[in-house]
Structure formats: C-alpha cells, structure tokens
C-alpha cells in the first residue's frame, strides 16, 4: 500500500515537471561543473530535456535549447529584495 498523500505528491511532481526543469543542486570546482536537474546529474555540456547544459554557478544553471538560453534558478520561488536600513 502507499500512503494517502502519495497521489498528491505524484501530481505535484508532474505539475512541477510541466513547468520546466528544476535545479536541485549544483557542484562547481576547478575540475568540473555539474547540476542536479529533475533528479538527474548533468555535467557541463550534457543533455537534459532536449537541451544542453551550458552554464553552472552557485545560483543555478543555464540550458541552451533550440538556439535560445534558459536560466534555471536553484530557488525559483525566492524573491530577493534589498535590505532595509536600520529604521529608528
């Protein structure tokens, strides 16, 4: 048997995949650059979702597909805002 929430989790995962590749982690070193995209370890120059991984940095990855670039942020739901000064 599977837990009751398993179906909901599977539906959420399917919806997330439909929105585009998700970057879970990146590994950068002088010797290599890798990204964990949709649960698959992809080296720089590797293929994922009919595209090629052309860039990796600490905040995400870049895919080239059909001549265009797609920036995949590691935390797409995080919105950065400037820090407010000390308001006294």
N, C-alpha and C. Protein backbone atom coordinates (compact mmCIF):
# COMPACT_ATOMS: atom_id res chain seq x y z
N UNK A 1 0.84 -1.19 0.00
CA UNK A 1 0.00 0.00 0.00
C UNK A 1 0.87 1.23 0.00
N UNK A 2 0.34 2.27 -0.55
CA UNK A 2 1.07 3.53 -0.49
C UNK A 2 0.29 4.52 0.37
N UNK A 3 0.99 5.47 0.95
CA UNK A 3 0.33 6.46 1.81
C UNK A 3 -0.69 7.28 1.01
N UNK A 4 -1.69 7.81 1.70
CA UNK A 4 -2.75 8.58 1.06
C UNK A 4 -2.20 9.80 0.32
N UNK A 5 -1.16 10.45 0.85
CA UNK A 5 -0.64 11.65 0.21
C UNK A 5 0.23 11.33 -1.00
N UNK A 6 0.55 10.06 -1.26
CA UNK A 6 1.42 9.69 -2.37
C UNK A 6 0.86 10.18 -3.70
N UNK A 7 -0.44 10.06 -3.89
CA UNK A 7 -1.05 10.51 -5.14
C UNK A 7 -0.91 12.02 -5.28
N UNK A 8 -1.14 12.75 -4.21
CA UNK A 8 -0.99 14.20 -4.24
C UNK A 8 0.44 14.58 -4.55
N UNK A 9 1.41 13.88 -3.94
CA UNK A 9 2.82 14.17 -4.19
C UNK A 9 3.17 13.90 -5.65
N UNK A 10 2.67 12.82 -6.21
CA UNK A 10 2.93 12.49 -7.61
C UNK A 10 2.34 13.55 -8.53
N UNK A 11 1.15 14.02 -8.22
CA UNK A 11 0.52 15.07 -9.03
C UNK A 11 1.33 16.35 -8.97
N UNK A 12 1.79 16.73 -7.80
CA UNK A 12 2.61 17.94 -7.66
C UNK A 12 3.91 17.81 -8.44
N UNK A 13 4.52 16.64 -8.39
CA UNK A 13 5.77 16.42 -9.13
C UNK A 13 5.53 16.52 -10.64
N UNK A 14 4.43 15.97 -11.11
CA UNK A 14 4.09 16.04 -12.53
C UNK A 14 3.87 17.49 -12.94
N UNK A 15 3.17 18.26 -12.13
CA UNK A 15 2.94 19.67 -12.44
C UNK A 15 4.25 20.44 -12.45
N UNK A 16 5.13 20.16 -11.52
CA UNK A 16 6.42 20.85 -11.46
C UNK A 16 7.24 20.56 -12.71
N UNK A 17 7.23 19.31 -13.18
CA UNK A 17 7.96 18.95 -14.39
C UNK A 17 7.38 19.66 -15.60
N UNK A 18 6.07 19.83 -15.63
CA UNK A 18 5.43 20.50 -16.76
C UNK A 18 5.85 21.96 -16.85
N UNK A 19 6.17 22.59 -15.72
CA UNK A 19 6.58 23.98 -15.71
C UNK A 19 8.00 24.16 -16.22
N UNK A 20 8.80 23.14 -16.22
CA UNK A 20 10.17 23.24 -16.69
C UNK A 20 11.12 22.55 -15.75
N UNK A 21 12.39 22.44 -16.17
CA UNK A 21 13.38 21.76 -15.36
C UNK A 21 13.57 22.44 -14.01
N UNK A 22 13.77 21.63 -13.01
CA UNK A 22 14.02 22.14 -11.67
C UNK A 22 15.46 21.80 -11.27
N UNK A 23 16.19 22.79 -10.78
CA UNK A 23 17.57 22.58 -10.33
C UNK A 23 17.55 22.34 -8.83
N UNK A 24 17.97 21.15 -8.43
CA UNK A 24 18.01 20.83 -7.00
C UNK A 24 19.35 21.16 -6.37
N UNK A 25 20.44 21.07 -7.15
CA UNK A 25 21.77 21.32 -6.60
C UNK A 25 22.75 21.60 -7.73
N UNK A 26 23.83 22.27 -7.40
CA UNK A 26 24.93 22.47 -8.34
C UNK A 26 26.24 22.14 -7.63
N UNK A 27 27.19 21.64 -8.39
CA UNK A 27 28.52 21.34 -7.88
C UNK A 27 29.51 22.03 -8.81
N UNK A 28 30.29 22.93 -8.25
CA UNK A 28 31.30 23.60 -9.05
C UNK A 28 32.66 23.45 -8.39
N UNK A 29 33.65 23.16 -9.19
CA UNK A 29 35.02 23.08 -8.72
C UNK A 29 35.90 23.43 -9.91
N UNK A 30 37.19 23.63 -9.67
CA UNK A 30 38.08 23.92 -10.81
C UNK A 30 38.11 22.78 -11.83
N UNK A 31 37.84 21.55 -11.39
CA UNK A 31 37.92 20.40 -12.28
C UNK A 31 36.62 20.12 -13.05
N UNK A 32 35.46 20.44 -12.44
CA UNK A 32 34.20 20.10 -13.11
C UNK A 32 33.04 20.93 -12.60
N UNK A 33 31.98 20.93 -13.40
CA UNK A 33 30.74 21.61 -13.04
C UNK A 33 29.59 20.66 -13.37
N UNK A 34 28.71 20.49 -12.38
CA UNK A 34 27.57 19.58 -12.53
C UNK A 34 26.33 20.26 -11.99
N UNK A 35 25.17 19.84 -12.49
CA UNK A 35 23.90 20.30 -11.94
C UNK A 35 22.99 19.10 -11.77
N UNK A 36 22.24 19.10 -10.70
CA UNK A 36 21.23 18.07 -10.46
C UNK A 36 19.91 18.68 -10.93
N UNK A 37 19.44 18.22 -12.09
CA UNK A 37 18.23 18.76 -12.71
C UNK A 37 17.21 17.65 -12.82
N UNK A 38 16.04 17.86 -12.23
CA UNK A 38 14.97 16.86 -12.23
C UNK A 38 15.47 15.50 -11.74
N UNK A 39 16.38 15.51 -10.76
CA UNK A 39 16.88 14.26 -10.19
C UNK A 39 17.98 13.59 -11.00
N UNK A 40 18.44 14.22 -12.07
CA UNK A 40 19.47 13.65 -12.93
C UNK A 40 20.74 14.50 -12.83
N UNK A 41 21.89 13.85 -12.60
CA UNK A 41 23.16 14.57 -12.55
C UNK A 41 23.61 14.84 -13.99
N UNK A 42 23.79 16.13 -14.30
CA UNK A 42 24.13 16.53 -15.66
C UNK A 42 25.45 17.29 -15.64
N UNK A 43 26.47 16.81 -16.37
CA UNK A 43 27.74 17.56 -16.44
C UNK A 43 27.61 18.71 -17.43
N UNK A 44 28.48 19.69 -17.30
CA UNK A 44 28.53 20.80 -18.25
C UNK A 44 28.69 20.20 -19.65
N UNK A 45 27.84 20.60 -20.59
CA UNK A 45 27.85 20.05 -21.94
C UNK A 45 26.93 18.86 -22.11
N UNK A 46 26.36 18.37 -21.00
CA UNK A 46 25.46 17.22 -21.05
C UNK A 46 24.05 17.61 -21.49
N UNK A 47 23.26 16.62 -21.83
CA UNK A 47 21.90 16.83 -22.31
C UNK A 47 20.87 16.59 -21.22
N UNK A 48 19.84 17.43 -21.22
CA UNK A 48 18.71 17.25 -20.33
C UNK A 48 17.51 17.94 -20.97
N UNK A 49 16.39 17.25 -21.02
CA UNK A 49 15.14 17.80 -21.59
C UNK A 49 15.35 18.44 -22.96
N UNK A 50 16.00 17.72 -23.84
CA UNK A 50 16.23 18.18 -25.21
C UNK A 50 17.05 19.47 -25.29
N UNK A 51 17.81 19.77 -24.24
CA UNK A 51 18.68 20.94 -24.23
C UNK A 51 20.07 20.53 -23.78
N UNK A 52 20.98 21.49 -23.79
CA UNK A 52 22.36 21.26 -23.38
C UNK A 52 22.70 22.19 -22.22
N UNK A 53 23.31 21.64 -21.19
CA UNK A 53 23.75 22.43 -20.04
C UNK A 53 24.99 23.21 -20.46
N UNK A 54 24.87 24.55 -20.51
CA UNK A 54 25.99 25.38 -20.98
C UNK A 54 26.57 26.27 -19.89
N UNK A 55 25.94 26.30 -18.71
CA UNK A 55 26.46 27.11 -17.63
C UNK A 55 25.98 26.64 -16.28
N UNK A 56 26.87 26.73 -15.28
CA UNK A 56 26.53 26.36 -13.90
C UNK A 56 27.21 27.36 -12.99
N UNK A 57 26.45 27.90 -12.03
CA UNK A 57 27.05 28.74 -11.00
C UNK A 57 26.33 28.47 -9.68
N UNK A 58 26.72 29.18 -8.63
CA UNK A 58 26.18 28.88 -7.31
C UNK A 58 24.68 29.14 -7.19
N UNK A 59 24.09 29.87 -8.13
CA UNK A 59 22.66 30.17 -8.00
C UNK A 59 21.78 29.42 -8.99
N UNK A 60 22.37 28.64 -9.89
CA UNK A 60 21.53 27.89 -10.82
C UNK A 60 22.29 27.37 -12.02
N UNK A 61 21.54 27.13 -13.11
CA UNK A 61 22.11 26.54 -14.31
C UNK A 61 21.53 27.24 -15.54
N UNK A 62 22.22 27.07 -16.68
CA UNK A 62 21.77 27.65 -17.94
C UNK A 62 21.70 26.54 -18.97
N UNK A 63 20.54 26.42 -19.64
CA UNK A 63 20.35 25.44 -20.71
C UNK A 63 20.23 26.15 -22.04
N UNK A 64 20.80 25.54 -23.09
CA UNK A 64 20.59 26.03 -24.45
C UNK A 64 19.69 25.02 -25.15
N UNK A 65 18.59 25.54 -25.69
CA UNK A 65 17.63 24.67 -26.39
C UNK A 65 17.08 25.44 -27.58
N UNK A 66 17.17 24.85 -28.74
CA UNK A 66 16.65 25.46 -29.96
C UNK A 66 17.20 26.87 -30.18
N UNK A 67 18.48 27.07 -29.88
CA UNK A 67 19.12 28.35 -30.12
C UNK A 67 18.87 29.43 -29.08
N UNK A 68 18.09 29.13 -28.05
CA UNK A 68 17.85 30.13 -27.01
C UNK A 68 18.37 29.61 -25.67
N UNK A 69 18.58 30.53 -24.74
CA UNK A 69 19.08 30.18 -23.42
C UNK A 69 17.97 30.26 -22.40
N UNK A 70 17.96 29.32 -21.47
CA UNK A 70 17.00 29.33 -20.36
C UNK A 70 17.79 29.29 -19.06
N UNK A 71 17.59 30.30 -18.23
CA UNK A 71 18.24 30.34 -16.92
C UNK A 71 17.34 29.63 -15.92
N UNK A 72 17.90 28.64 -15.23
CA UNK A 72 17.15 27.86 -14.26
C UNK A 72 17.67 28.17 -12.86
N UNK A 73 16.97 29.01 -12.13
CA UNK A 73 17.43 29.34 -10.78
C UNK A 73 17.25 28.17 -9.83
N UNK A 74 18.15 28.05 -8.87
CA UNK A 74 18.07 26.95 -7.92
C UNK A 74 16.86 27.11 -7.00
N UNK A 75 16.53 28.33 -6.66
CA UNK A 75 15.39 28.60 -5.78
C UNK A 75 14.44 29.56 -6.49
N UNK A 76 13.62 29.05 -7.43
CA UNK A 76 12.78 29.94 -8.24
C UNK A 76 11.71 30.68 -7.45
N UNK A 77 11.31 30.17 -6.29
CA UNK A 77 10.25 30.82 -5.52
C UNK A 77 10.77 31.88 -4.56
N UNK A 78 12.08 32.05 -4.48
CA UNK A 78 12.66 33.02 -3.57
C UNK A 78 12.79 34.35 -4.31
N UNK A 79 12.23 35.37 -3.73
CA UNK A 79 12.33 36.71 -4.31
C UNK A 79 13.28 37.54 -3.46
N UNK A 80 14.30 38.08 -4.10
CA UNK A 80 15.27 38.88 -3.37
C UNK A 80 14.81 40.33 -3.34
N UNK A 81 14.94 40.94 -2.19
CA UNK A 81 14.63 42.36 -2.04
C UNK A 81 15.79 43.03 -1.32
N UNK A 82 16.00 44.29 -1.59
CA UNK A 82 17.10 44.99 -0.90
C UNK A 82 16.83 45.04 0.62
N UNK A 83 17.90 44.93 1.37
CA UNK A 83 17.78 45.01 2.83
C UNK A 83 17.41 46.44 3.20
N UNK A 84 16.54 46.56 4.18
CA UNK A 84 16.18 47.90 4.66
C UNK A 84 17.20 48.35 5.69
N UNK A 85 17.46 49.64 5.68
CA UNK A 85 18.37 50.19 6.68
C UNK A 85 17.75 50.18 8.05
N UNK A 86 18.53 50.44 9.04
CA UNK A 86 18.05 50.47 10.42
C UNK A 86 17.10 51.67 10.57
N UNK A 87 15.83 51.39 10.77
CA UNK A 87 14.83 52.46 10.87
C UNK A 87 14.59 52.79 12.34
N UNK A 88 15.12 53.92 12.79
CA UNK A 88 14.94 54.33 14.19
C UNK A 88 14.15 55.58 14.28
